[in-house]
Protein backbone atom coordinates (compact mmCIF):
# COMPACT_ATOMS: atom_id res chain seq x y z
CA UNK A 1 -7.34 28.22 14.74
CA UNK A 2 -7.68 25.34 17.10
CA UNK A 3 -7.49 21.88 14.90
CA UNK A 4 -8.03 18.44 16.47
CA UNK A 5 -6.20 15.54 14.39
CA UNK A 6 -7.83 12.27 15.27
CA UNK A 7 -5.46 9.08 14.31
CA UNK A 8 -1.73 9.29 14.67
CA UNK A 9 -0.92 7.28 11.65
CA UNK A 10 1.60 8.50 8.98
CA UNK A 11 -1.51 10.67 7.52
CA UNK A 12 -2.25 12.25 10.75
CA UNK A 13 1.40 12.83 11.72
CA UNK A 14 1.74 14.22 8.22
CA UNK A 15 -1.05 16.76 9.08
CA UNK A 16 0.52 17.47 12.56
CA UNK A 17 3.88 18.38 10.60
CA UNK A 18 2.14 20.59 8.19
CA UNK A 19 0.35 22.59 10.84
CA UNK A 20 3.72 22.95 12.79
CA UNK A 21 5.18 24.19 9.71
CA UNK A 22 2.54 26.76 8.98
CA UNK A 23 2.81 27.69 12.90
CA UNK A 24 6.35 28.29 12.70
CA UNK A 25 6.12 30.48 9.90
CA UNK A 26 3.55 32.71 11.55
CA UNK A 27 0.32 31.33 11.03
CA UNK A 28 -2.25 31.45 14.14
CA UNK A 29 -2.43 27.70 14.41
CA UNK A 30 -2.82 25.28 17.51
CA UNK A 31 -3.06 22.03 17.39
CA UNK A 32 -3.71 18.52 19.03
CA UNK A 33 -3.20 15.07 18.07
CA UNK A 34 -5.14 12.35 19.63
CA UNK A 35 -3.94 8.58 19.34
CA UNK A 36 -5.91 5.51 20.96
CA UNK A 37 -2.75 3.58 20.64
CA UNK A 38 0.23 3.94 23.16
CA UNK A 39 2.67 4.89 19.99
CA UNK A 40 2.58 7.20 16.78
CA UNK A 41 2.81 5.82 13.38
CA UNK A 42 0.17 3.19 12.75
CA UNK A 43 1.14 0.40 10.64
CA UNK A 44 4.65 2.09 10.17
CA UNK A 45 7.08 0.08 12.59
CA UNK A 46 10.03 -1.36 12.41
CA UNK A 47 12.96 -2.81 14.63
CA UNK A 48 16.37 -3.80 14.22
CA UNK A 49 17.16 -7.46 15.36
CA UNK A 50 20.69 -8.70 15.10
CA UNK A 51 21.64 -6.01 12.66
CA UNK A 52 18.70 -7.01 10.60
CA UNK A 53 15.68 -4.65 9.76
CA UNK A 54 12.89 -5.83 10.23
CA UNK A 55 9.54 -4.28 9.19
CA UNK A 56 6.19 -5.17 10.83
CA UNK A 57 4.02 -3.16 8.33
CA UNK A 58 4.59 -1.67 5.00
CA UNK A 59 8.36 -2.12 3.89
CA UNK A 60 8.87 0.60 1.57
CA UNK A 61 7.11 3.10 -0.72
CA UNK A 62 6.29 3.31 -4.80
CA UNK A 63 9.26 5.47 -5.92
CA UNK A 64 6.77 7.21 -8.78
CA UNK A 65 4.64 8.88 -6.14
CA UNK A 66 6.84 11.90 -4.67
CA UNK A 67 5.09 12.86 -1.70
CA UNK A 68 7.04 10.21 0.79
CA UNK A 69 10.43 11.06 -0.69
CA UNK A 70 10.11 14.64 -0.63
CA UNK A 71 8.86 14.50 3.12
CA UNK A 72 12.03 12.31 4.08
CA UNK A 73 14.35 14.98 2.25
CA UNK A 74 12.60 17.92 4.17
CA UNK A 75 13.28 15.64 7.27
CA UNK A 76 16.91 15.56 6.53
CA UNK A 77 16.26 11.58 5.81
CA UNK A 78 17.37 11.96 1.84
CA UNK A 79 20.78 10.08 2.52
CA UNK A 80 18.39 7.34 4.14
CA UNK A 81 16.20 6.67 1.08
CA UNK A 82 17.30 3.18 -0.22
CA UNK A 83 16.04 1.78 -3.60
CA UNK A 84 15.02 -1.48 -4.58
CA UNK A 85 17.74 -3.78 -5.70
CA UNK A 86 15.98 -3.79 -9.23
CA UNK A 87 18.98 -5.25 -11.01
CA UNK A 88 17.69 -8.66 -9.29
CA UNK A 89 14.29 -8.26 -9.28
CA UNK A 90 12.15 -11.39 -10.20
CA UNK A 91 8.91 -12.70 -9.05
CA UNK A 92 7.46 -15.97 -8.77
CA UNK A 93 3.70 -17.13 -9.05
CA UNK A 94 3.25 -20.71 -7.08
CA UNK A 95 1.59 -23.05 -9.36
CA UNK A 96 0.74 -26.41 -8.29
CA UNK A 97 3.97 -26.10 -5.73
CA UNK A 98 6.07 -25.26 -8.36
CA UNK A 99 7.74 -21.48 -8.50
CA UNK A 100 6.80 -20.27 -11.88
CA UNK A 101 8.45 -16.87 -12.81
CA UNK A 102 6.61 -13.92 -14.28
CA UNK A 103 6.77 -13.59 -18.03
CA UNK A 104 9.19 -10.68 -19.18
CA UNK A 105 7.23 -7.96 -20.63
CA UNK A 106 4.12 -8.25 -18.16
CA UNK A 107 2.93 -4.53 -17.64
CA UNK A 108 1.21 -5.09 -14.47
CA UNK A 109 -1.54 -7.55 -15.59
CA UNK A 110 -0.97 -7.15 -19.51
CA UNK A 111 1.39 -9.48 -21.41
CA UNK A 112 3.22 -7.30 -23.99
CA UNK A 113 5.97 -9.75 -25.59
CA UNK A 114 4.69 -12.26 -27.59
CA UNK A 115 7.79 -14.99 -27.00
CA UNK A 116 7.93 -14.91 -23.14
CA UNK A 117 4.32 -15.17 -23.04
CA UNK A 118 4.09 -18.07 -25.43
CA UNK A 119 7.05 -19.73 -23.68
CA UNK A 120 5.72 -19.38 -19.63
CA UNK A 121 4.15 -22.16 -17.80
CA UNK A 122 2.41 -19.89 -15.80
CA UNK A 123 -0.44 -20.08 -18.37
CA UNK A 124 -2.31 -22.89 -20.34
CA UNK A 125 -2.11 -22.83 -24.16
CA UNK A 126 -5.50 -21.97 -24.37
CA UNK A 127 -5.02 -18.73 -21.88
CA UNK A 128 -2.16 -18.02 -24.32
CA UNK A 129 -4.40 -17.90 -27.43
CA UNK A 130 -6.89 -16.09 -25.92
CA UNK A 131 -4.10 -13.47 -25.19
CA UNK A 132 -3.38 -13.48 -28.53
CA UNK A 133 -6.91 -12.84 -29.70
CA UNK A 134 -7.15 -9.91 -27.09
CA UNK A 135 -5.79 -7.89 -29.58
CA UNK A 136 -8.67 -7.90 -31.84
CA UNK A 137 -11.00 -6.52 -28.99
CA UNK A 138 -13.06 -3.53 -29.74
CA UNK A 139 -13.01 -0.27 -28.01
CA UNK A 140 -15.64 -0.60 -25.03
CA UNK A 141 -16.74 2.64 -23.47
CA UNK A 142 -16.63 2.55 -19.50
CA UNK A 143 -20.40 3.44 -18.87
CA UNK A 144 -20.31 1.72 -15.27
CA UNK A 145 -17.79 0.38 -12.42
CA UNK A 146 -16.94 -3.36 -12.67
CA UNK A 147 -14.67 -5.71 -10.78
CA UNK A 148 -10.99 -5.93 -11.50
CA UNK A 149 -11.84 -9.70 -11.83
CA UNK A 150 -14.47 -9.16 -14.58
CA UNK A 151 -12.33 -6.50 -16.50
CA UNK A 152 -9.29 -9.09 -16.53
CA UNK A 153 -11.56 -12.46 -17.24
CA UNK A 154 -13.60 -10.28 -20.04
CA UNK A 155 -9.96 -9.65 -22.15
CA UNK A 156 -7.40 -12.68 -20.84
CA UNK A 157 -9.64 -15.47 -19.28
CA UNK A 158 -10.27 -16.95 -15.60
CA UNK A 159 -7.15 -18.32 -15.80
CA UNK A 160 -5.25 -15.35 -15.72
CA UNK A 161 -7.54 -13.72 -12.90
CA UNK A 162 -6.31 -17.07 -10.64
CA UNK A 163 -3.24 -16.90 -11.36
CA UNK A 164 -2.25 -13.35 -11.95
CA UNK A 165 -4.52 -10.77 -11.01
CA UNK A 166 -5.74 -12.46 -7.76
CA UNK A 167 -2.30 -12.65 -6.44
CA UNK A 168 -0.71 -9.42 -7.39
CA UNK A 169 -3.75 -7.74 -6.21
CA UNK A 170 -3.87 -9.48 -2.96
CA UNK A 171 -0.58 -8.71 -2.21
CA UNK A 172 -0.90 -5.18 -2.56
CA UNK A 173 -4.44 -4.51 -1.13
CA UNK A 174 -4.97 -7.71 0.58
CA UNK A 175 -7.84 -7.64 -0.91
CA UNK A 176 -9.69 -9.93 -3.51
CA UNK A 177 -10.05 -8.89 -7.23
CA UNK A 178 -13.94 -9.87 -7.59
CA UNK A 179 -14.57 -7.60 -5.24
CA UNK A 180 -12.19 -4.65 -6.07
CA UNK A 181 -12.91 -1.42 -8.19
CA UNK A 182 -11.37 -1.61 -11.50
CA UNK A 183 -12.33 2.29 -12.15
CA UNK A 184 -10.63 2.96 -8.98
CA UNK A 185 -7.70 0.40 -8.78
CA UNK A 186 -6.70 0.03 -12.56
CA UNK A 187 -8.20 3.36 -14.11
CA UNK A 188 -5.47 3.30 -16.70
CA UNK A 189 -6.49 -0.18 -18.37
CA UNK A 190 -10.17 1.03 -18.01
CA UNK A 191 -9.31 4.43 -19.96
CA UNK A 192 -7.00 1.93 -22.61
CA UNK A 193 -10.52 -0.22 -23.05
CA UNK A 194 -12.43 2.80 -23.93
CA UNK A 195 -9.66 4.05 -26.17
CA UNK A 196 -7.83 0.93 -27.76
CA UNK A 197 -10.21 -1.88 -27.06
CA UNK A 198 -6.97 -4.01 -26.75
CA UNK A 199 -5.30 -3.58 -23.27
CA UNK A 200 -2.26 -4.73 -25.16
CA UNK A 201 -2.44 -2.27 -27.77
CA UNK A 202 -3.27 0.24 -25.25
CA UNK A 203 -0.15 -0.55 -23.16
CA UNK A 204 2.25 -0.98 -26.05
CA UNK A 205 0.88 2.63 -27.43
CA UNK A 206 1.56 4.03 -23.76
CA UNK A 207 5.14 2.38 -23.74
CA UNK A 208 5.74 4.00 -27.04
CA UNK A 209 4.82 7.47 -25.94
CA UNK A 210 6.73 7.04 -22.87
CA UNK A 211 9.77 6.30 -24.93
CA UNK A 212 8.89 9.23 -27.21
CA UNK A 213 9.18 11.66 -24.02
CA UNK A 214 12.15 10.44 -22.27
CA UNK A 215 14.03 10.92 -25.89
CA UNK A 216 12.54 14.66 -26.06
CA UNK A 217 13.27 15.16 -22.43
CA UNK A 218 17.03 13.86 -23.25
CA UNK A 219 17.38 16.34 -26.38
CA UNK A 220 16.11 19.05 -24.43
CA UNK A 221 18.65 18.77 -21.89
CA UNK A 222 21.46 18.47 -24.52
CA UNK A 223 22.08 14.60 -24.23
CA UNK A 224 23.17 12.65 -27.16
CA UNK A 225 19.96 10.93 -29.10
CA UNK A 226 19.11 7.89 -27.72
CA UNK A 227 20.34 8.47 -24.12
CA UNK A 228 17.84 8.14 -21.28
CA UNK A 229 18.09 8.81 -17.53
CA UNK A 230 18.71 5.97 -15.26
CA UNK A 231 15.53 4.37 -14.54
CA UNK A 232 13.98 4.74 -11.37
CA UNK A 233 13.54 2.04 -8.80
CA UNK A 234 9.97 0.79 -8.29
CA UNK A 235 10.17 0.78 -4.43
CA UNK A 236 12.26 3.07 -2.22
CA UNK A 237 12.74 2.17 1.65
CA UNK A 238 14.60 3.95 4.42
CA UNK A 239 17.89 2.46 5.43
CA UNK A 240 17.15 1.84 9.09
CA UNK A 241 13.23 1.21 8.53
CA UNK A 242 10.43 3.14 8.01
CA UNK A 243 10.25 3.85 11.84
CA UNK A 244 12.70 6.34 10.79
CA UNK A 245 10.15 8.76 9.35
CA UNK A 246 7.61 8.17 11.99
CA UNK A 247 10.51 8.95 14.55
CA UNK A 248 11.63 11.92 12.24
CA UNK A 249 8.14 13.35 11.64
CA UNK A 250 7.34 12.85 15.59
CA UNK A 251 10.55 15.07 16.41
CA UNK A 252 9.27 17.97 14.45
CA UNK A 253 6.01 18.57 16.00
CA UNK A 254 5.31 19.82 19.59
CA UNK A 255 5.17 16.92 22.11
CA UNK A 256 2.86 18.89 24.25
CA UNK A 257 0.18 18.53 21.48
CA UNK A 258 0.50 14.95 21.40
CA UNK A 259 -1.86 13.01 23.33
CA UNK A 260 -1.07 8.97 23.28
CA UNK A 261 -3.37 6.34 24.68
CA UNK A 262 -6.12 8.69 24.53
CA UNK A 263 -9.13 7.70 22.08
CA UNK A 264 -11.83 10.02 20.98
CA UNK A 265 -15.01 8.67 22.45
CA UNK A 266 -17.35 11.80 20.97
CA UNK A 267 -17.39 14.36 17.84
CA UNK A 268 -20.14 16.56 17.43
CA UNK A 269 -20.51 20.02 15.62
CA UNK A 270 -21.62 22.59 17.68
CA UNK A 271 -22.43 26.45 16.88
CA UNK A 272 -18.82 27.19 18.13
CA UNK A 273 -16.70 24.49 16.50
CA UNK A 274 -16.25 20.64 17.17
CA UNK A 275 -16.52 19.41 20.50
CA UNK A 276 -14.48 16.63 21.35
CA UNK A 277 -14.44 13.97 24.14
CA UNK A 278 -11.17 12.04 24.55
CA UNK A 279 -9.45 10.94 27.96
CA UNK A 280 -12.41 11.96 30.12
CA UNK A 281 -12.05 15.75 29.00
CA UNK A 282 -14.19 17.75 26.93
CA UNK A 283 -12.74 20.40 24.40
CA UNK A 284 -13.99 22.78 21.46
CA UNK A 285 -11.94 23.05 18.02
CA UNK A 286 -12.40 25.08 15.02
CA UNK A 287 -11.44 22.39 12.78
CA UNK A 288 -10.98 18.60 12.88
CA UNK A 289 -9.03 16.44 10.59
CA UNK A 290 -10.12 12.93 11.05
CA UNK A 291 -7.32 10.79 9.84
CA UNK A 292 -8.45 7.31 11.55
CA UNK A 293 -9.58 4.29 9.68
CA UNK A 294 -12.91 4.90 7.98
CA UNK A 295 -14.96 2.37 10.11
CA UNK A 296 -13.56 4.61 13.21
CA UNK A 297 -14.69 7.70 11.53
CA UNK A 298 -17.87 6.46 10.71
CA UNK A 299 -18.77 5.76 14.26
CA UNK A 300 -17.30 9.18 15.57
CA UNK A 301 -19.36 11.14 12.53
CA UNK A 302 -22.54 9.13 12.33
CA UNK A 303 -24.13 11.37 15.07
CA UNK A 304 -22.79 14.67 13.21
CA UNK A 305 -24.29 13.62 9.91
CA UNK A 306 -25.74 9.84 9.58
CA UNK A 307 -25.52 9.52 6.17
CA UNK A 308 -21.62 10.48 6.17
CA UNK A 309 -21.06 7.80 8.84
CA UNK A 310 -22.95 5.09 6.97
CA UNK A 311 -20.85 5.80 3.95
CA UNK A 312 -17.75 5.91 6.01
CA UNK A 313 -18.62 2.65 7.59
CA UNK A 314 -19.53 0.98 4.28
CA UNK A 315 -16.06 1.14 3.54
CA UNK A 316 -14.70 -2.51 3.75
CA UNK A 317 -11.32 -3.49 5.34
CA UNK A 318 -9.12 -6.50 5.48
CA UNK A 319 -6.75 -7.52 8.14
CA UNK A 320 -3.15 -8.52 7.68
CA UNK A 321 -0.05 -10.57 9.39
CA UNK A 322 3.29 -10.16 8.75
CA UNK A 323 5.81 -13.00 9.56
CA UNK A 324 9.58 -12.05 9.93
CA UNK A 325 12.19 -15.25 9.94
CA UNK A 326 15.80 -14.77 10.40
CA UNK A 327 17.94 -17.42 9.04
CA UNK A 328 21.71 -18.38 8.85
CA UNK A 329 22.41 -18.72 4.84
CA UNK A 330 24.64 -21.25 5.60
CA UNK A 331 21.86 -23.74 6.98
CA UNK A 332 19.82 -22.69 3.92
CA UNK A 333 19.66 -24.26 0.77
CA UNK A 334 19.91 -21.92 -2.32
CA UNK A 335 16.72 -19.71 -2.52
CA UNK A 336 15.52 -19.12 -6.01
CA UNK A 337 16.76 -15.74 -7.77
CA UNK A 338 14.91 -12.75 -7.00
CA UNK A 339 12.42 -10.67 -4.60
CA UNK A 340 10.12 -14.02 -3.48
CA UNK A 341 6.94 -15.23 -4.64
CA UNK A 342 3.18 -14.43 -4.62
CA UNK A 343 0.42 -17.27 -3.86
CA UNK A 344 -2.74 -17.36 -5.71
CA UNK A 345 -6.07 -18.33 -3.67
CA UNK A 346 -6.28 -21.24 -5.76
CA UNK A 347 -3.49 -23.14 -4.28
CA UNK A 348 -5.28 -23.15 -0.70
CA UNK A 349 -2.63 -21.69 1.27
CA UNK A 350 -2.31 -19.52 4.14
CA UNK A 351 0.29 -17.58 2.66
CA UNK A 352 -0.40 -14.66 0.32
CA UNK A 353 3.15 -13.69 -0.35
CA UNK A 354 6.76 -14.26 0.84
CA UNK A 355 9.64 -11.25 0.23
CA UNK A 356 13.55 -12.69 0.40
CA UNK A 357 13.92 -8.95 2.39
CA UNK A 358 17.84 -9.57 2.18
CA UNK A 359 17.55 -9.35 -1.79
CA UNK A 360 15.04 -6.66 -2.34
CA UNK A 361 16.78 -3.84 -0.37
CA UNK A 362 20.64 -4.27 -0.11
CA UNK A 363 22.60 -2.96 3.00
CA UNK A 364 19.87 -3.97 5.64
CA UNK A 365 20.50 -7.56 6.65
CA UNK A 366 23.96 -8.31 7.89
CA UNK A 367 26.12 -10.75 5.34
CA UNK A 368 25.28 -14.54 5.97
CA UNK A 369 21.82 -13.46 7.06
CA UNK A 370 18.20 -14.39 4.98
CA UNK A 371 15.33 -12.49 6.39
CA UNK A 372 12.02 -13.87 5.03
CA UNK A 373 8.95 -12.10 4.99
CA UNK A 374 5.63 -14.02 4.64
CA UNK A 375 2.34 -12.00 4.61
CA UNK A 376 -1.04 -13.75 5.53
CA UNK A 377 -4.52 -12.82 6.07
CA UNK A 378 -6.59 -10.61 3.55
CA UNK A 379 -10.28 -10.59 2.64
CA UNK A 380 -10.26 -14.29 2.25
CA UNK A 381 -8.32 -15.45 5.36
CA UNK A 382 -9.28 -13.11 8.28
CA UNK A 383 -9.89 -16.20 10.80
CA UNK A 384 -6.22 -16.33 10.91
CA UNK A 385 -5.78 -12.97 12.97
CA UNK A 386 -6.76 -15.17 15.90
CA UNK A 387 -4.25 -17.87 15.60
CA UNK A 388 -1.63 -18.00 17.58
CA UNK A 389 2.04 -16.88 16.94
CA UNK A 390 3.34 -19.75 17.44
CA UNK A 391 0.77 -21.78 14.93
CA UNK A 392 1.47 -18.95 12.47
CA UNK A 393 4.98 -19.48 12.24
CA UNK A 394 4.53 -23.03 12.30
CA UNK A 395 2.39 -22.68 9.19
CA UNK A 396 4.51 -20.82 7.47
CA UNK A 397 7.62 -22.64 7.56
CA UNK A 398 5.82 -25.45 6.85
CA UNK A 399 4.59 -23.65 3.54
CA UNK A 400 7.95 -22.56 2.98
CA UNK A 401 9.34 -25.90 3.10
CA UNK A 402 6.39 -27.35 0.91
CA UNK A 403 6.39 -24.64 -1.79
CA UNK A 404 10.75 -24.06 -1.87
CA UNK A 405 11.55 -27.59 -0.99
CA UNK A 406 12.95 -29.42 1.64
CA UNK A 407 16.40 -28.79 0.53
CA UNK A 408 15.78 -25.14 1.24
CA UNK A 409 13.95 -24.57 4.07
CA UNK A 410 14.00 -27.74 6.00
CA UNK A 411 11.44 -27.92 9.10
CA UNK A 412 13.87 -28.94 11.36
CA UNK A 413 16.11 -25.71 10.77
CA UNK A 414 14.79 -23.49 13.78
CA UNK A 415 14.50 -19.80 12.48
CA UNK A 416 17.10 -17.49 14.70
CA UNK A 417 14.28 -15.31 15.18
CA UNK A 418 10.68 -14.82 14.61
CA UNK A 419 8.34 -12.13 14.38
CA UNK A 420 4.49 -11.99 14.13
CA UNK A 421 2.68 -8.85 13.53
CA UNK A 422 -0.93 -8.42 13.31
CA UNK A 423 -2.86 -5.36 11.70
CA UNK A 424 -6.86 -5.87 12.30
CA UNK A 425 -9.02 -4.15 9.62
CA UNK A 426 -5.91 -1.90 8.25
CA UNK A 427 -6.25 -2.07 4.57
CA UNK A 428 -9.20 -0.01 3.16
CA UNK A 429 -11.02 -1.83 0.07
CA UNK A 430 -11.86 -0.05 -3.20
CA UNK A 431 -14.73 -2.01 -3.78
CA UNK A 432 -16.84 -1.68 -6.82
CA UNK A 433 -18.76 1.80 -6.88
CA UNK A 434 -15.62 3.42 -4.74
CA UNK A 435 -15.56 6.46 -6.84
CA UNK A 436 -19.37 7.25 -6.39
CA UNK A 437 -19.01 6.65 -2.59
CA UNK A 438 -16.02 9.09 -2.61
CA UNK A 439 -18.10 11.43 -4.36
CA UNK A 440 -20.92 11.25 -1.91
CA UNK A 441 -18.45 11.46 1.21
CA UNK A 442 -17.21 14.46 -0.38
CA UNK A 443 -20.33 16.04 -0.91
CA UNK A 444 -21.40 15.32 2.87
CA UNK A 445 -18.20 16.70 3.94
CA UNK A 446 -18.05 20.09 1.84
CA UNK A 447 -21.50 21.11 4.17
CA UNK A 448 -19.44 20.57 7.25
CA UNK A 449 -17.06 23.83 7.95
CA UNK A 450 -13.66 22.95 9.17
CA UNK A 451 -14.00 19.17 8.88
CA UNK A 452 -11.35 16.84 7.02
CA UNK A 453 -10.69 13.56 6.03
CA UNK A 454 -7.14 11.86 5.46
CA UNK A 455 -6.15 8.27 5.55
CA UNK A 456 -6.04 5.04 3.11
CA UNK A 457 -9.63 4.66 2.70
CA UNK A 458 -10.23 7.62 -0.01
CA UNK A 459 -7.92 8.15 -2.27
CA UNK A 460 -4.91 5.97 -2.35
CA UNK A 461 -3.61 3.09 0.31
CA UNK A 462 0.28 3.77 0.13
CA UNK A 463 2.46 5.72 2.10
CA UNK A 464 2.79 8.39 -0.42
CA UNK A 465 -0.99 8.69 -0.80
CA UNK A 466 -1.75 9.24 3.25
CA UNK A 467 1.21 11.62 3.56
CA UNK A 468 0.10 13.65 0.47
CA UNK A 469 -3.46 13.53 1.68
CA UNK A 470 -2.65 14.17 5.38
CA UNK A 471 -0.75 17.52 4.32
CA UNK A 472 -2.98 18.68 1.87
CA UNK A 473 -6.03 18.63 4.81
CA UNK A 474 -3.81 20.85 6.92
CA UNK A 475 -2.92 23.46 4.15
CA UNK A 476 -6.70 23.69 3.34
CA UNK A 477 -7.35 24.38 6.79
CA UNK A 478 -4.46 26.84 7.29
CA UNK A 479 -5.68 28.64 4.00
CA UNK A 480 -9.43 29.16 5.27
CA UNK A 481 -8.39 30.37 8.59
CA UNK A 482 -6.27 33.04 6.81
CA UNK A 483 -8.64 34.14 4.32
């Protein structure tokens, strides 16, 4: 089986790795990985500057999703896995230029503790009363998709959307809660509303079940009643940066099978298989894994199936910008405790968030240095991608000074190093109706033998999701060729 992989991001790399593993085990497999850029890894890119690990793209992955950590261990990177420093985890929301900590007991978007919710300065008393009355919500069947903003506003009011849902989802998706699909992005909350009515009651019930399962598991392992395993960190990174994962996977695939700076210009289905034009040459393959962004996949597959191309092209994307700043801690004032802060869109700022990197992951920044990582762009600020590096750095420095205070980040203090990275149309947006769109795409793909799709546009935007989908696509093709 000759397989073409289009796209050398982590999904395409995972697919190539899986095919190489099958080949080494004796499967009759050949593959070629086409990547339009001069490097592999897509948005996963990091470097070490003055001893500090700087991430240009994602800095970590969710620990609860196993695919990324499993791959790292297979590659011999298990010892490099670094948990987030959750003992010092604290996140703030910017409210009228003041940092307000997220209240204790907040389970994603749902408040579950009365006193911290009552005392927080994040919400007005009107919203707090609304949160208390939310316990009376009757069950509501989920008969149609709606936006996250609509779901949250119905339960907790508009202020909760503006000060909580929007900044949290903007930090994860670079998206707009008024456009994102509740059924896709927050499926557990949709299920809770259907069963319990109140999201607060649903979340408390889920928490009780989790504790009972943990106790039962501890008892089954012969541990003392009440003992439980140490909580897993929320995020996991690599000690030397996410580039370690890219380099390790790249080292495990056949270099002769990788074609960099070679965009695929044409993809056609023929009686003999899949005909690909790239780099001025035409080749025939038995199968193809399209691991490029959905908008690029749509342009290629539109000639094969116009309806499929239209569905893929219809998946919206947002752009993002990261700005890394290295400072001498001695010259900075005292930063707030915790990992950093999120900036709601209603604050009218360019920044979406800022992470205190040296606090989030220990051992990746030299003693005495502080790394501040700002995020800009998103669905509401696409125009910033065209702004110059110098201007973006100036914007971030000014906003940091205004939010944290001149006594912390003074405008006159130059960072020791500044790095700007742009990721145009890189973050897929799961808009209202995404589940139905995904089903229509699956139906069109099912009638095209040898075609698989992988990437962040379909069933999860994170690194583990992309790895899982890339490996799954390869496994399915190997299995089909063997049968």
